[in-house]
Amino acid sequence: MSRPHSPPATAGRHSSLPHNDGRIIAHFGRQIIIEDGQGQQHRCSARRNLPPLVCGDYISWYYPDPKSCIIHELKSRSSLLARPDGRGKQKIIAANIDQILIVCSPLPELNEGLLDRYLVAATLTSINPLIVLNKTDLLERKQLENYQQRLAIYQQLDYQVIYTSAHEDVAFNQLSQCLHGKTSILVGQSGVGKSSLLNRLLPDVHARIGEVSSATGKGRHTTTTARLYHLPDSASLIDSPGIREFGLWNVSPEQLAQGFPEFVRREDQCRFRDCRHRNEPGCAVLDAVEKEEISHERHASYLRILASLEES
């Protein structure tokens, strides 16, 4: 990985210097690390009139003097992944993402509610989701079969699922192929092995690996800020901090059902156009749940998310 680059000592005033294009690969407080078109890294600050900048943003920048690098323009974003912060305001995690790798594991235990929230966010922002069950080497055969049954619900909805472990090369080759030519982001709970996956995909990174607390069964945070790495075959991978909860940003109760594809296929059959698929008469979704054409667990997850949106 190249080290942050300094300008030549002969750099003149910004009025006579060309403005350069680049991409943000990390953000540490006020310090922003960008990468230019030649792969050189630069430490920059941003003009105060710009909105908050995040990992993955495309920007324009210049050197006003030999010791300063200034970002002066934010390019249009093709996509962004965001969630509410502790005060209910938008917190953007990363921008210009093609694919979300939702990493789960048996330890900490697979949380379908969190998985469903990520899938809703991905669907509503037109970002392709990929479910990764990591640490399968920790499972006995019958345990693995149980997880496969739980995730089969998602495969039936055309979500791709990949099973990975520390000793399985075939799965990692499959995962690598899914990353080709895309900017992907690793998301998931702390302790599910995102940093281990990154180290396997890109051994020179040496990302810090956290342990799972034996007392809580929850992971400890080791990645503190999103960072973009380059992989072979024109792929980029953003490692994001682990979280235990993922709130949905700017999603109304009316929009929520659009994040459940099995609901979308049936909602035009509901008696009422504003049906919330909760207890309304003539609801085609409830009828499908009753007939076991829609998973009871997925519908229950939808109702929990719906209740949280109505409370906020």
C-alpha atoms as a PDB file:
ATOM      1  CA  MET A   1       0.000   0.000   0.000  1.00  0.00           C
ATOM      2  CA  SER A   2       1.440   3.366  -0.970  1.00  0.00           C
ATOM      3  CA  ARG A   3       2.081   5.936   1.726  1.00  0.00           C
ATOM      4  CA  PRO A   4       0.401   9.369   1.668  1.00  0.00           C
ATOM      5  CA  HIS A   5       2.116  11.423  -1.003  1.00  0.00           C
ATOM      6  CA  SER A   6       3.545  14.922  -0.569  1.00  0.00           C
ATOM      7  CA  PRO A   7       3.545  17.540  -3.359  1.00  0.00           C
ATOM      8  CA  PRO A   8       6.745  18.635  -5.056  1.00  0.00           C
ATOM      9  CA  ALA A   9       8.489  21.586  -3.435  1.00  0.00           C
ATOM     10  CA  THR A  10       7.949  23.623  -6.601  1.00  0.00           C
ATOM     11  CA  ALA A  11       4.136  23.620  -6.291  1.00  0.00           C
ATOM     12  CA  GLY A  12       2.783  27.119  -6.884  1.00  0.00           C
ATOM     13  CA  ARG A  13      -0.393  28.948  -5.938  1.00  0.00           C
ATOM     14  CA  HIS A  14      -3.685  27.127  -6.492  1.00  0.00           C
ATOM     15  CA  SER A  15      -4.777  29.566  -9.200  1.00  0.00           C
ATOM     16  CA  SER A  16      -2.094  28.183 -11.503  1.00  0.00           C
ATOM     17  CA  LEU A  17      -2.409  24.521 -10.498  1.00  0.00           C
ATOM     18  CA  PRO A  18      -4.768  22.056 -12.165  1.00  0.00           C
ATOM     19  CA  HIS A  19      -7.540  20.585 -10.077  1.00  0.00           C
ATOM     20  CA  ASN A  20      -7.236  16.805  -9.769  1.00  0.00           C
ATOM     21  CA  ASP A  21      -9.810  14.057  -9.407  1.00  0.00           C
ATOM     22  CA  GLY A  22      -9.529  11.401  -6.730  1.00  0.00           C
ATOM     23  CA  ARG A  23     -11.400   9.130  -4.351  1.00  0.00           C
ATOM     24  CA  ILE A  24     -11.614   9.129  -0.578  1.00  0.00           C
ATOM     25  CA  ILE A  25     -10.225   5.893   0.844  1.00  0.00           C
ATOM     26  CA  ALA A  26     -10.361   6.775   4.575  1.00  0.00           C
ATOM     27  CA  HIS A  27     -11.531   9.527   6.894  1.00  0.00           C
ATOM     28  CA  PHE A  28      -9.975  10.123  10.327  1.00  0.00           C
ATOM     29  CA  GLY A  29     -11.661  13.064  12.018  1.00  0.00           C
ATOM     30  CA  ARG A  30     -10.674  16.156  10.042  1.00  0.00           C
ATOM     31  CA  GLN A  31      -7.991  14.287   8.139  1.00  0.00           C
ATOM     32  CA  ILE A  32      -9.050  12.710   4.859  1.00  0.00           C
ATOM     33  CA  ILE A  33      -6.942  10.254   2.867  1.00  0.00           C
ATOM     34  CA  ILE A  34      -7.555  10.405  -0.872  1.00  0.00           C
ATOM     35  CA  GLU A  35      -6.105   8.469  -3.779  1.00  0.00           C
ATOM     36  CA  ASP A  36      -5.383  10.077  -7.134  1.00  0.00           C
ATOM     37  CA  GLY A  37      -5.550   8.523 -10.588  1.00  0.00           C
ATOM     38  CA  GLN A  38      -1.972   7.251 -10.310  1.00  0.00           C
ATOM     39  CA  GLY A  39      -2.607   5.416  -7.047  1.00  0.00           C
ATOM     40  CA  GLN A  40      -0.776   7.984  -4.913  1.00  0.00           C
ATOM     41  CA  GLN A  41      -2.286   8.830  -1.540  1.00  0.00           C
ATOM     42  CA  HIS A  42      -2.632  12.369  -0.193  1.00  0.00           C
ATOM     43  CA  ARG A  43      -3.665  13.726   3.208  1.00  0.00           C
ATOM     44  CA  CYS A  44      -6.285  16.422   2.683  1.00  0.00           C
ATOM     45  CA  SER A  45      -8.767  18.662   4.384  1.00  0.00           C
ATOM     46  CA  ALA A  46     -12.095  19.745   2.908  1.00  0.00           C
ATOM     47  CA  ARG A  47     -13.608  23.138   2.259  1.00  0.00           C
ATOM     48  CA  ARG A  48     -16.117  24.073   4.929  1.00  0.00           C
ATOM     49  CA  ASN A  49     -18.946  24.549   2.439  1.00  0.00           C
ATOM     50  CA  LEU A  50     -18.888  20.876   1.446  1.00  0.00           C
ATOM     51  CA  PRO A  51     -21.272  18.311   2.966  1.00  0.00           C
ATOM     52  CA  PRO A  52     -19.788  15.561   5.151  1.00  0.00           C
ATOM     53  CA  LEU A  53     -17.432  13.419   3.072  1.00  0.00           C
ATOM     54  CA  VAL A  54     -17.166   9.643   3.444  1.00  0.00           C
ATOM     55  CA  CYS A  55     -15.160   6.680   2.251  1.00  0.00           C
ATOM     56  CA  GLY A  56     -15.843   5.957  -1.413  1.00  0.00           C
ATOM     57  CA  ASP A  57     -16.637   9.547  -2.395  1.00  0.00           C
ATOM     58  CA  TYR A  58     -15.250  10.850  -5.676  1.00  0.00           C
ATOM     59  CA  ILE A  59     -13.859  14.359  -5.294  1.00  0.00           C
ATOM     60  CA  SER A  60     -11.741  17.091  -6.883  1.00  0.00           C
ATOM     61  CA  TRP A  61      -8.747  18.534  -5.032  1.00  0.00           C
ATOM     62  CA  TYR A  62      -5.714  20.783  -5.413  1.00  0.00           C
ATOM     63  CA  TYR A  63      -2.557  21.899  -3.588  1.00  0.00           C
ATOM     64  CA  PRO A  64      -2.769  25.612  -2.675  1.00  0.00           C
ATOM     65  CA  ASP A  65       0.766  25.352  -1.258  1.00  0.00           C
ATOM     66  CA  PRO A  66       3.383  22.614  -0.703  1.00  0.00           C
ATOM     67  CA  LYS A  67       1.979  21.721   2.737  1.00  0.00           C
ATOM     68  CA  SER A  68      -1.760  21.714   2.087  1.00  0.00           C
ATOM     69  CA  CYS A  69      -4.125  19.549   0.066  1.00  0.00           C
ATOM     70  CA  ILE A  70      -7.686  20.847  -0.236  1.00  0.00           C
ATOM     71  CA  ILE A  71     -10.812  19.020  -1.411  1.00  0.00           C
ATOM     72  CA  HIS A  72     -12.997  21.604  -3.128  1.00  0.00           C
ATOM     73  CA  GLU A  73     -15.696  19.546  -4.873  1.00  0.00           C
ATOM     74  CA  LEU A  74     -17.800  16.472  -4.136  1.00  0.00           C
ATOM     75  CA  LYS A  75     -18.817  14.521  -7.235  1.00  0.00           C
ATOM     76  CA  SER A  76     -22.323  13.133  -7.631  1.00  0.00           C
ATOM     77  CA  ARG A  77     -22.895   9.915  -5.672  1.00  0.00           C
ATOM     78  CA  SER A  78     -24.281   6.879  -7.479  1.00  0.00           C
ATOM     79  CA  SER A  79     -25.289   5.248  -4.183  1.00  0.00           C
ATOM     80  CA  LEU A  80     -24.776   5.543  -0.461  1.00  0.00           C
ATOM     81  CA  LEU A  81     -25.261   3.385   2.609  1.00  0.00           C
ATOM     82  CA  ALA A  82     -26.514   5.302   5.631  1.00  0.00           C
ATOM     83  CA  ARG A  83     -28.094   4.757   9.024  1.00  0.00           C
ATOM     84  CA  PRO A  84     -29.375   7.014  11.820  1.00  0.00           C
ATOM     85  CA  ASP A  85     -26.846   8.066  14.440  1.00  0.00           C
ATOM     86  CA  GLY A  86     -27.581   8.263  18.172  1.00  0.00           C
ATOM     87  CA  ARG A  87     -29.458  11.540  17.677  1.00  0.00           C
ATOM     88  CA  GLY A  88     -31.529  10.308  14.760  1.00  0.00           C
ATOM     89  CA  LYS A  89     -29.520  12.184  12.155  1.00  0.00           C
ATOM     90  CA  GLN A  90     -28.142  10.671   8.977  1.00  0.00           C
ATOM     91  CA  LYS A  91     -24.776   8.931   9.307  1.00  0.00           C
ATOM     92  CA  ILE A  92     -23.391   7.935   5.914  1.00  0.00           C
ATOM     93  CA  ILE A  93     -21.193   4.842   6.113  1.00  0.00           C
ATOM     94  CA  ALA A  94     -19.848   4.826   2.548  1.00  0.00           C
ATOM     95  CA  ALA A  95     -20.701   6.050  -0.948  1.00  0.00           C
ATOM     96  CA  ASN A  96     -20.570   4.827  -4.552  1.00  0.00           C
ATOM     97  CA  ILE A  97     -21.038   1.177  -3.597  1.00  0.00           C
ATOM     98  CA  ASP A  98     -22.043  -1.553  -6.037  1.00  0.00           C
ATOM     99  CA  GLN A  99     -22.408  -4.425  -3.575  1.00  0.00           C
ATOM    100  CA  ILE A 100     -22.980  -5.036   0.129  1.00  0.00           C
ATOM    101  CA  LEU A 101     -21.370  -8.124   1.664  1.00  0.00           C
ATOM    102  CA  ILE A 102     -23.492  -8.869   4.721  1.00  0.00           C
ATOM    103  CA  VAL A 103     -21.231 -11.022   6.885  1.00  0.00           C
ATOM    104  CA  CYS A 104     -22.852 -13.332   9.456  1.00  0.00           C
ATOM    105  CA  SER A 105     -21.462 -16.118  11.612  1.00  0.00           C
ATOM    106  CA  PRO A 106     -22.418 -18.717  14.214  1.00  0.00           C
ATOM    107  CA  LEU A 107     -20.429 -16.739  16.809  1.00  0.00           C
ATOM    108  CA  PRO A 108     -21.789 -14.167  17.415  1.00  0.00           C
ATOM    109  CA  GLU A 109     -25.036 -15.915  16.550  1.00  0.00           C
ATOM    110  CA  LEU A 110     -26.708 -15.248  13.207  1.00  0.00           C
ATOM    111  CA  ASN A 111     -29.180 -12.385  13.672  1.00  0.00           C
ATOM    112  CA  GLU A 112     -31.850 -12.565  10.973  1.00  0.00           C
ATOM    113  CA  GLY A 113     -33.412  -9.307  12.157  1.00  0.00           C
ATOM    114  CA  LEU A 114     -30.162  -7.436  11.497  1.00  0.00           C
ATOM    115  CA  LEU A 115     -29.738  -9.292   8.204  1.00  0.00           C
ATOM    116  CA  ASP A 116     -33.235  -8.256   7.102  1.00  0.00           C
ATOM    117  CA  ARG A 117     -32.510  -4.602   7.880  1.00  0.00           C
ATOM    118  CA  TYR A 118     -29.378  -4.684   5.748  1.00  0.00           C
ATOM    119  CA  LEU A 119     -31.321  -6.344   2.928  1.00  0.00           C
ATOM    120  CA  VAL A 120     -34.019  -3.664   3.079  1.00  0.00           C
ATOM    121  CA  ALA A 121     -31.375  -0.917   2.963  1.00  0.00           C
ATOM    122  CA  ALA A 122     -29.655  -2.599   0.011  1.00  0.00           C
ATOM    123  CA  THR A 123     -32.878  -3.145  -1.918  1.00  0.00           C
ATOM    124  CA  LEU A 124     -34.180   0.398  -1.436  1.00  0.00           C
ATOM    125  CA  THR A 125     -30.851   1.900  -2.543  1.00  0.00           C
ATOM    126  CA  SER A 126     -30.424  -0.487  -5.517  1.00  0.00           C
ATOM    127  CA  ILE A 127     -27.186  -1.934  -4.111  1.00  0.00           C
ATOM    128  CA  ASN A 128     -26.680  -5.642  -4.752  1.00  0.00           C
ATOM    129  CA  PRO A 129     -26.603  -7.658  -1.487  1.00  0.00           C
ATOM    130  CA  LEU A 130     -24.502 -10.779  -0.948  1.00  0.00           C
ATOM    131  CA  ILE A 131     -24.929 -12.837   2.234  1.00  0.00           C
ATOM    132  CA  VAL A 132     -21.760 -14.425   3.625  1.00  0.00           C
ATOM    133  CA  LEU A 133     -21.950 -16.974   6.451  1.00  0.00           C
ATOM    134  CA  ASN A 134     -18.427 -16.980   7.845  1.00  0.00           C
ATOM    135  CA  LYS A 135     -16.697 -19.281  10.368  1.00  0.00           C
ATOM    136  CA  THR A 136     -18.448 -22.412   9.119  1.00  0.00           C
ATOM    137  CA  ASP A 137     -15.434 -24.394  10.357  1.00  0.00           C
ATOM    138  CA  LEU A 138     -16.837 -23.891  13.883  1.00  0.00           C
ATOM    139  CA  LEU A 139     -19.917 -25.948  13.030  1.00  0.00           C
ATOM    140  CA  GLU A 140     -20.608 -29.657  13.191  1.00  0.00           C
ATOM    141  CA  ARG A 141     -22.395 -31.138  10.186  1.00  0.00           C
ATOM    142  CA  LYS A 142     -25.883 -30.998  11.729  1.00  0.00           C
ATOM    143  CA  GLN A 143     -25.289 -27.442  12.932  1.00  0.00           C
ATOM    144  CA  LEU A 144     -24.252 -26.390   9.441  1.00  0.00           C
ATOM    145  CA  GLU A 145     -27.373 -28.006   8.010  1.00  0.00           C
ATOM    146  CA  ASN A 146     -29.457 -25.949  10.444  1.00  0.00           C
ATOM    147  CA  TYR A 147     -27.865 -22.719   9.225  1.00  0.00           C
ATOM    148  CA  GLN A 148     -28.331 -23.800   5.625  1.00  0.00           C
ATOM    149  CA  GLN A 149     -32.043 -24.302   6.304  1.00  0.00           C
ATOM    150  CA  ARG A 150     -32.305 -20.859   7.893  1.00  0.00           C
ATOM    151  CA  LEU A 151     -30.558 -19.180   4.976  1.00  0.00           C
ATOM    152  CA  ALA A 152     -32.440 -21.202   2.353  1.00  0.00           C
ATOM    153  CA  ILE A 153     -35.319 -18.763   2.923  1.00  0.00           C
ATOM    154  CA  TYR A 154     -33.136 -16.025   1.458  1.00  0.00           C
ATOM    155  CA  GLN A 155     -31.851 -18.137  -1.414  1.00  0.00           C
ATOM    156  CA  GLN A 156     -35.458 -18.812  -2.410  1.00  0.00           C
ATOM    157  CA  LEU A 157     -35.823 -15.031  -2.722  1.00  0.00           C
ATOM    158  CA  ASP A 158     -32.836 -14.963  -5.115  1.00  0.00           C
ATOM    159  CA  TYR A 159     -30.366 -13.597  -2.565  1.00  0.00           C
ATOM    160  CA  GLN A 160     -26.940 -15.136  -3.088  1.00  0.00           C
ATOM    161  CA  VAL A 161     -25.429 -16.920  -0.069  1.00  0.00           C
ATOM    162  CA  ILE A 162     -21.772 -17.952   0.241  1.00  0.00           C
ATOM    163  CA  TYR A 163     -20.387 -20.124   3.062  1.00  0.00           C
ATOM    164  CA  THR A 164     -16.801 -19.359   4.078  1.00  0.00           C
ATOM    165  CA  SER A 165     -14.322 -20.667   6.631  1.00  0.00           C
ATOM    166  CA  ALA A 166     -10.667 -20.303   7.501  1.00  0.00           C
ATOM    167  CA  HIS A 167      -9.807 -23.529   5.659  1.00  0.00           C
ATOM    168  CA  GLU A 168     -12.026 -23.416   2.560  1.00  0.00           C
ATOM    169  CA  ASP A 169     -10.356 -22.227  -0.645  1.00  0.00           C
ATOM    170  CA  VAL A 170     -13.248 -22.940  -3.011  1.00  0.00           C
ATOM    171  CA  ALA A 171     -15.599 -20.586  -1.177  1.00  0.00           C
ATOM    172  CA  PHE A 172     -13.003 -17.809  -1.145  1.00  0.00           C
ATOM    173  CA  ASN A 173     -12.469 -18.216  -4.874  1.00  0.00           C
ATOM    174  CA  GLN A 174     -16.223 -17.907  -5.349  1.00  0.00           C
ATOM    175  CA  LEU A 175     -16.285 -14.819  -3.139  1.00  0.00           C
ATOM    176  CA  SER A 176     -13.381 -13.256  -5.043  1.00  0.00           C
ATOM    177  CA  GLN A 177     -15.201 -13.764  -8.335  1.00  0.00           C
ATOM    178  CA  CYS A 178     -18.233 -11.917  -6.956  1.00  0.00           C
ATOM    179  CA  LEU A 179     -16.035  -8.898  -6.217  1.00  0.00           C
ATOM    180  CA  HIS A 180     -14.585  -8.496  -9.734  1.00  0.00           C
ATOM    181  CA  GLY A 181     -14.970  -4.986 -11.133  1.00  0.00           C
ATOM    182  CA  LYS A 182     -17.100  -3.757  -8.230  1.00  0.00           C
ATOM    183  CA  THR A 183     -16.812  -1.568  -5.155  1.00  0.00           C
ATOM    184  CA  SER A 184     -18.108  -3.726  -2.295  1.00  0.00           C
ATOM    185  CA  ILE A 185     -18.484  -3.030   1.407  1.00  0.00           C
ATOM    186  CA  LEU A 186     -18.174  -5.484   4.301  1.00  0.00           C
ATOM    187  CA  VAL A 187     -20.887  -4.991   6.925  1.00  0.00           C
ATOM    188  CA  GLY A 188     -22.059  -6.978   9.925  1.00  0.00           C
ATOM    189  CA  GLN A 189     -21.826  -7.375  13.659  1.00  0.00           C
ATOM    190  CA  SER A 190     -18.541  -7.014  15.479  1.00  0.00           C
ATOM    191  CA  GLY A 191     -16.797 -10.369  15.702  1.00  0.00           C
ATOM    192  CA  VAL A 192     -18.288 -12.050  12.622  1.00  0.00           C
ATOM    193  CA  GLY A 193     -14.865 -12.101  10.947  1.00  0.00           C
ATOM    194  CA  LYS A 194     -14.924  -9.198   8.488  1.00  0.00           C
ATOM    195  CA  SER A 195     -11.259  -8.389   9.137  1.00  0.00           C
ATOM    196  CA  SER A 196     -10.340 -12.075   8.766  1.00  0.00           C
ATOM    197  CA  LEU A 197     -12.081 -12.145   5.387  1.00  0.00           C
ATOM    198  CA  LEU A 198     -10.221  -9.017   4.348  1.00  0.00           C
ATOM    199  CA  ASN A 199      -6.892 -10.512   5.432  1.00  0.00           C
ATOM    200  CA  ARG A 200      -7.645 -13.657   3.442  1.00  0.00           C
ATOM    201  CA  LEU A 201      -8.616 -11.706   0.335  1.00  0.00           C
ATOM    202  CA  LEU A 202      -5.704  -9.284   0.669  1.00  0.00           C
ATOM    203  CA  PRO A 203      -2.961 -10.744   2.918  1.00  0.00           C
ATOM    204  CA  ASP A 204      -0.825  -7.580   2.886  1.00  0.00           C
ATOM    205  CA  VAL A 205      -3.517  -5.579   4.689  1.00  0.00           C
ATOM    206  CA  HIS A 206      -3.019  -7.145   8.147  1.00  0.00           C
ATOM    207  CA  ALA A 207      -6.345  -5.839   9.445  1.00  0.00           C
ATOM    208  CA  ARG A 208      -6.775  -6.135  13.193  1.00  0.00           C
ATOM    209  CA  ILE A 209      -8.793  -9.167  14.240  1.00  0.00           C
ATOM    210  CA  GLY A 210     -11.016  -8.946  17.293  1.00  0.00           C
ATOM    211  CA  GLU A 211     -12.059 -11.697  19.670  1.00  0.00           C
ATOM    212  CA  VAL A 212     -15.606 -12.533  20.645  1.00  0.00           C
ATOM    213  CA  SER A 213     -16.356 -11.907  24.310  1.00  0.00           C
ATOM    214  CA  SER A 214     -17.010 -15.178  26.120  1.00  0.00           C
ATOM    215  CA  ALA A 215     -19.293 -13.312  28.528  1.00  0.00           C
ATOM    216  CA  THR A 216     -21.581 -11.649  25.983  1.00  0.00           C
ATOM    217  CA  GLY A 217     -21.013 -13.667  22.814  1.00  0.00           C
ATOM    218  CA  LYS A 218     -20.597 -10.338  21.029  1.00  0.00           C
ATOM    219  CA  GLY A 219     -17.610  -9.121  19.109  1.00  0.00           C
ATOM    220  CA  ARG A 220     -15.288  -6.304  20.063  1.00  0.00           C
ATOM    221  CA  HIS A 221     -14.815  -3.415  17.637  1.00  0.00           C
ATOM    222  CA  THR A 222     -11.453  -3.553  15.845  1.00  0.00           C
ATOM    223  CA  THR A 223     -12.244  -1.500  12.728  1.00  0.00           C
ATOM    224  CA  THR A 224     -13.000   2.052  13.862  1.00  0.00           C
ATOM    225  CA  THR A 225     -13.483   3.789  10.514  1.00  0.00           C
ATOM    226  CA  ALA A 226     -14.402   2.699   6.997  1.00  0.00           C
ATOM    227  CA  ARG A 227     -11.384   2.114   4.755  1.00  0.00           C
ATOM    228  CA  LEU A 228     -11.168   1.256   1.054  1.00  0.00           C
ATOM    229  CA  TYR A 229      -8.718  -1.355  -0.220  1.00  0.00           C
ATOM    230  CA  HIS A 230      -7.909  -2.446  -3.758  1.00  0.00           C
ATOM    231  CA  LEU A 231      -8.148  -6.080  -4.844  1.00  0.00           C
ATOM    232  CA  PRO A 232      -7.126  -7.727  -8.125  1.00  0.00           C
ATOM    233  CA  ASP A 233      -9.420  -7.554 -11.171  1.00  0.00           C
ATOM    234  CA  SER A 234     -10.408  -3.903 -10.685  1.00  0.00           C
ATOM    235  CA  ALA A 235     -12.177  -4.647  -7.417  1.00  0.00           C
ATOM    236  CA  SER A 236     -12.367  -2.396  -4.370  1.00  0.00           C
ATOM    237  CA  LEU A 237     -13.428  -3.486  -0.893  1.00  0.00           C
ATOM    238  CA  ILE A 238     -14.475  -1.205   1.954  1.00  0.00           C
ATOM    239  CA  ASP A 239     -14.070  -2.550   5.487  1.00  0.00           C
ATOM    240  CA  SER A 240     -16.577  -0.877   7.815  1.00  0.00           C
ATOM    241  CA  PRO A 241     -16.812  -0.823  11.623  1.00  0.00           C
ATOM    242  CA  GLY A 242     -18.876  -3.610  13.143  1.00  0.00           C
ATOM    243  CA  ILE A 243     -22.205  -2.674  14.696  1.00  0.00           C
ATOM    244  CA  ARG A 244     -24.750  -4.485  16.851  1.00  0.00           C
ATOM    245  CA  GLU A 245     -27.808  -2.655  15.533  1.00  0.00           C
ATOM    246  CA  PHE A 246     -28.556  -1.172  12.124  1.00  0.00           C
ATOM    247  CA  GLY A 247     -31.315   1.400  11.899  1.00  0.00           C
ATOM    248  CA  LEU A 248     -32.925   2.254   8.579  1.00  0.00           C
ATOM    249  CA  TRP A 249     -32.423   5.830   7.427  1.00  0.00           C
ATOM    250  CA  ASN A 250     -35.152   7.766   5.620  1.00  0.00           C
ATOM    251  CA  VAL A 251     -37.405   4.743   5.211  1.00  0.00           C
ATOM    252  CA  SER A 252     -41.093   5.332   5.829  1.00  0.00           C
ATOM    253  CA  PRO A 253     -43.491   2.615   6.985  1.00  0.00           C
ATOM    254  CA  GLU A 254     -45.064   2.829   3.520  1.00  0.00           C
ATOM    255  CA  GLN A 255     -41.717   2.124   1.833  1.00  0.00           C
ATOM    256  CA  LEU A 256     -40.684  -0.760   4.081  1.00  0.00           C
ATOM    257  CA  ALA A 257     -42.618  -3.440   2.199  1.00  0.00           C
ATOM    258  CA  GLN A 258     -40.644  -2.549  -0.951  1.00  0.00           C
ATOM    259  CA  GLY A 259     -37.608  -4.046   0.787  1.00  0.00           C
ATOM    260  CA  PHE A 260     -39.314  -7.445   1.048  1.00  0.00           C
ATOM    261  CA  PRO A 261     -39.488  -8.875  -2.494  1.00  0.00           C
ATOM    262  CA  GLU A 262     -41.927 -11.617  -1.509  1.00  0.00           C
ATOM    263  CA  PHE A 263     -44.363  -8.873  -0.411  1.00  0.00           C
ATOM    264  CA  VAL A 264     -43.877  -6.800  -3.568  1.00  0.00           C
ATOM    265  CA  ARG A 265     -44.955  -9.738  -5.721  1.00  0.00           C
ATOM    266  CA  ARG A 266     -48.334  -9.849  -3.969  1.00  0.00           C
ATOM    267  CA  GLU A 267     -49.154  -6.363  -2.712  1.00  0.00           C
ATOM    268  CA  ASP A 268     -51.183  -5.425  -5.803  1.00  0.00           C
ATOM    269  CA  GLN A 269     -53.524  -8.273  -4.818  1.00  0.00           C
ATOM    270  CA  CYS A 270     -54.281  -6.711  -1.412  1.00  0.00           C
ATOM    271  CA  ARG A 271     -57.769  -5.247  -0.996  1.00  0.00           C
ATOM    272  CA  PHE A 272     -56.439  -1.901   0.240  1.00  0.00           C
ATOM    273  CA  ARG A 273     -53.744   0.073  -1.564  1.00  0.00           C
ATOM    274  CA  ASP A 274     -52.268   1.286   1.750  1.00  0.00           C
ATOM    275  CA  CYS A 275     -52.214  -2.204   3.279  1.00  0.00           C
ATOM    276  CA  ARG A 276     -49.484  -2.616   5.911  1.00  0.00           C
ATOM    277  CA  HIS A 277     -49.712  -6.425   5.811  1.00  0.00           C
ATOM    278  CA  ARG A 278     -50.400  -6.532   9.532  1.00  0.00           C
ATOM    279  CA  ASN A 279     -54.021  -7.494  10.192  1.00  0.00           C
ATOM    280  CA  GLU A 280     -55.964  -5.892   7.342  1.00  0.00           C
ATOM    281  CA  PRO A 281     -58.799  -7.885   5.739  1.00  0.00           C
ATOM    282  CA  GLY A 282     -58.091  -9.081   2.230  1.00  0.00           C
ATOM    283  CA  CYS A 283     -54.303  -8.878   2.657  1.00  0.00           C
ATOM    284  CA  ALA A 284     -52.608 -11.087   0.058  1.00  0.00           C
ATOM    285  CA  VAL A 285     -49.372 -11.129   2.057  1.00  0.00           C
ATOM    286  CA  LEU A 286     -51.090 -12.450   5.191  1.00  0.00           C
ATOM    287  CA  ASP A 287     -52.845 -15.037   3.051  1.00  0.00           C
ATOM    288  CA  ALA A 288     -49.458 -16.154   1.667  1.00  0.00           C
ATOM    289  CA  VAL A 289     -48.022 -16.358   5.194  1.00  0.00           C
ATOM    290  CA  GLU A 290     -50.963 -18.510   6.250  1.00  0.00           C
ATOM    291  CA  LYS A 291     -50.346 -20.813   3.277  1.00  0.00           C
ATOM    292  CA  GLU A 292     -46.607 -20.890   4.142  1.00  0.00           C
ATOM    293  CA  GLU A 293     -45.762 -19.336   0.789  1.00  0.00           C
ATOM    294  CA  ILE A 294     -44.066 -16.535   2.743  1.00  0.00           C
ATOM    295  CA  SER A 295     -41.853 -17.330   5.712  1.00  0.00           C
ATOM    296  CA  HIS A 296     -43.456 -16.681   9.106  1.00  0.00           C
ATOM    297  CA  GLU A 297     -40.043 -15.546  10.362  1.00  0.00           C
ATOM    298  CA  ARG A 298     -39.638 -12.988   7.585  1.00  0.00           C
ATOM    299  CA  HIS A 299     -43.122 -11.614   8.162  1.00  0.00           C
ATOM    300  CA  ALA A 300     -42.462 -11.371  11.911  1.00  0.00           C
ATOM    301  CA  SER A 301     -39.197  -9.556  11.151  1.00  0.00           C
ATOM    302  CA  TYR A 302     -41.095  -7.140   8.889  1.00  0.00           C
ATOM    303  CA  LEU A 303     -43.584  -6.413  11.679  1.00  0.00           C
ATOM    304  CA  ARG A 304     -40.776  -5.678  14.161  1.00  0.00           C
ATOM    305  CA  ILE A 305     -39.096  -3.286  11.742  1.00  0.00           C
ATOM    306  CA  LEU A 306     -42.454  -1.678  10.930  1.00  0.00           C
ATOM    307  CA  ALA A 307     -43.135  -1.094  14.631  1.00  0.00           C
ATOM    308  CA  SER A 308     -39.717   0.515  15.095  1.00  0.00           C
ATOM    309  CA  LEU A 309     -40.295   2.853  12.135  1.00  0.00           C
ATOM    310  CA  GLU A 310     -43.714   3.878  13.433  1.00  0.00           C
ATOM    311  CA  GLU A 311     -42.222   4.673  16.842  1.00  0.00           C
ATOM    312  CA  SER A 312     -39.431   6.863  15.454  1.00  0.00           C
END
